[in-house]
Protein backbone atom coordinates (compact mmCIF):
# COMPACT_ATOMS: atom_id res chain seq x y z
CA UNK A 1 0.00 0.00 0.00
CA UNK A 2 1.51 3.22 -1.14
CA UNK A 3 1.29 6.48 0.68
CA UNK A 4 -0.44 9.24 -1.14
CA UNK A 5 1.03 12.67 -1.72
CA UNK A 6 -0.20 15.95 -3.05
CA UNK A 7 2.28 15.76 -5.88
CA UNK A 8 0.34 15.01 -9.02
CA UNK A 9 3.39 13.83 -10.93
CA UNK A 10 4.02 10.18 -11.48
CA UNK A 11 7.47 10.12 -9.89
CA UNK A 12 7.71 9.80 -6.16
CA UNK A 13 10.55 11.42 -4.20
CA UNK A 14 12.03 9.40 -1.36
CA UNK A 15 11.12 10.78 2.03
CA UNK A 16 13.94 11.38 4.50
CA UNK A 17 12.83 11.22 8.12
CA UNK A 18 14.80 10.60 11.28
CA UNK A 19 13.70 7.44 13.01
CA UNK A 20 13.64 8.26 16.76
CA UNK A 21 12.67 4.78 17.98
CA UNK A 22 16.22 3.29 18.16
CA UNK A 23 17.49 6.41 19.92
CA UNK A 24 14.75 6.21 22.54
CA UNK A 25 15.45 2.49 23.03
CA UNK A 26 19.14 3.10 23.63
CA UNK A 27 18.40 5.92 26.07
CA UNK A 28 16.00 3.75 28.07
CA UNK A 29 18.55 0.92 28.27
CA UNK A 30 21.21 3.36 29.51
CA UNK A 31 18.79 4.79 32.07
CA UNK A 32 18.05 1.31 33.43
CA UNK A 33 21.78 0.49 33.61
CA UNK A 34 22.52 3.68 35.55
CA UNK A 35 19.59 3.10 37.91
CA UNK A 36 20.93 -0.36 38.72
CA UNK A 37 24.63 0.58 39.08
CA UNK A 38 24.28 3.89 40.97
CA UNK A 39 23.62 2.31 44.40
CA UNK A 40 26.59 -0.03 43.94
CA UNK A 41 29.03 2.86 43.57
CA UNK A 42 28.16 4.29 47.00
CA UNK A 43 28.52 0.95 48.78
CA UNK A 44 31.29 0.95 51.38
CA UNK A 45 32.65 -1.58 53.80
CA UNK A 46 31.88 -0.81 57.43
CA UNK A 47 34.91 -1.35 59.64
CA UNK A 48 35.06 -0.75 63.37
CA UNK A 49 38.47 0.88 63.76
CA UNK A 50 40.39 0.66 67.02
CA UNK A 51 40.57 3.74 69.20
CA UNK A 52 43.79 5.05 70.70
CA UNK A 53 44.44 8.13 72.76
CA UNK A 54 47.46 9.92 71.41
CA UNK A 55 48.52 13.49 71.03
CA UNK A 56 50.23 14.75 67.90
CA UNK A 57 53.79 15.85 68.32
CA UNK A 58 53.83 19.64 68.12
CA UNK A 59 57.60 19.63 67.73
CA UNK A 60 58.55 21.34 64.51
CA UNK A 61 62.02 21.04 63.03
CA UNK A 62 64.43 23.89 63.42
CA UNK A 63 64.46 26.32 60.53
CA UNK A 64 67.59 28.02 59.34
CA UNK A 65 66.86 31.39 57.73
CA UNK A 66 69.42 32.13 55.00
CA UNK A 67 69.25 35.36 53.01
CA UNK A 68 71.31 36.66 50.12
CA UNK A 69 71.10 40.39 49.44
CA UNK A 70 71.63 42.32 46.21
CA UNK A 71 75.38 42.63 46.93
CA UNK A 72 75.64 38.79 47.02
CA UNK A 73 76.36 38.83 50.75
CA UNK A 74 75.07 35.75 52.62
CA UNK A 75 73.28 36.09 55.98
CA UNK A 76 72.41 33.24 58.33
CA UNK A 77 69.69 34.59 60.55
CA UNK A 78 70.62 38.27 60.82
CA UNK A 79 74.40 37.93 60.93
CA UNK A 80 76.59 38.07 57.81
CA UNK A 81 78.60 34.94 57.10
CA UNK A 82 81.69 34.57 54.96
CA UNK A 83 81.32 32.08 52.13
CA UNK A 84 84.28 30.06 53.42
CA UNK A 85 82.68 29.53 56.85
CA UNK A 86 79.19 28.94 55.47
CA UNK A 87 79.50 25.16 55.32
CA UNK A 88 80.74 25.04 58.95
CA UNK A 89 77.74 27.11 60.02
CA UNK A 90 75.42 24.65 58.27
CA UNK A 91 77.20 21.68 59.88
CA UNK A 92 76.64 23.20 63.33
CA UNK A 93 72.92 23.52 62.58
CA UNK A 94 72.73 19.90 61.40
CA UNK A 95 74.47 18.73 64.59
CA UNK A 96 71.87 20.59 66.69
CA UNK A 97 68.91 19.13 64.80
CA UNK A 98 69.18 16.45 62.12
CA UNK A 99 65.84 17.51 60.57
CA UNK A 100 66.80 21.15 60.16
CA UNK A 101 65.12 22.98 57.27
CA UNK A 102 66.79 25.78 55.34
CA UNK A 103 64.63 28.65 54.10
CA UNK A 104 66.53 30.52 51.40
CA UNK A 105 65.63 34.10 50.49
CA UNK A 106 67.52 35.66 47.62
CA UNK A 107 67.22 39.15 46.22
CA UNK A 108 65.88 39.47 42.70
CA UNK A 109 69.22 40.67 41.30
CA UNK A 110 71.35 38.12 43.18
CA UNK A 111 73.70 36.18 40.96
CA UNK A 112 72.73 32.56 40.39
CA UNK A 113 76.31 31.54 41.18
CA UNK A 114 75.94 32.76 44.78
CA UNK A 115 72.65 30.89 45.22
CA UNK A 116 74.14 27.71 43.74
CA UNK A 117 77.23 27.92 45.98
CA UNK A 118 75.04 28.41 49.06
CA UNK A 119 72.86 25.44 48.17
CA UNK A 120 75.94 23.32 47.44
CA UNK A 121 77.46 24.19 50.84
CA UNK A 122 74.17 23.27 52.53
CA UNK A 123 74.07 19.96 50.70
CA UNK A 124 77.65 19.12 51.64
CA UNK A 125 76.85 19.93 55.29
CA UNK A 126 73.98 17.43 55.27
CA UNK A 127 70.98 19.71 54.79
CA UNK A 128 68.43 17.87 52.69
CA UNK A 129 65.37 20.11 53.15
CA UNK A 130 65.88 23.39 51.30
CA UNK A 131 62.99 25.72 50.54
CA UNK A 132 62.88 28.96 48.57
CA UNK A 133 60.96 31.87 50.08
CA UNK A 134 59.24 34.15 47.58
CA UNK A 135 56.80 37.02 47.65
CA UNK A 136 53.32 36.36 46.27
CA UNK A 137 53.09 37.85 42.82
CA UNK A 138 50.39 39.99 41.36
CA UNK A 139 49.39 38.07 38.27
C-alpha cells in the first residue's frame, strides 16, 4: 500500500525522516543500567576501627633562615657569614637538629652563582630540606 502525496506527478521522491525509535530504546537501556549501578558505587565496607588516645607531636624542626642580598652577601639569621665559613655554620645547625630545614631568600638581582654555591654548601653539610621563600606575585 503506497502512501499518497499531493504531488500530481508520477514520480515519487524518497522521504527522509529521522527514526527516533532506536534512539529512545538506547536511552531507556542506559537509564536502566545507571539506575541499577548507581547504588553499587556508594557501597562501602563498614569497619570498626580501634581507638587510641594519642597526642600529635607539636615539635617542629628547626628552621635556618638564610638570606642573600643584592650585593651577594650571605646572611644566616641576621648575621653576615663569609662564604668560606658557610659550610661550617650549616654543619653546626645539622648537629643541633638532624631535621633542620633551610629557608633561602635571595634578592631578585642576586647572581645565580651565589645561590648555587650556598645550596651546594648546605648539601655538603647534610641539609636535605631546602625551601625557597618568595613574595606572592600579582598576576
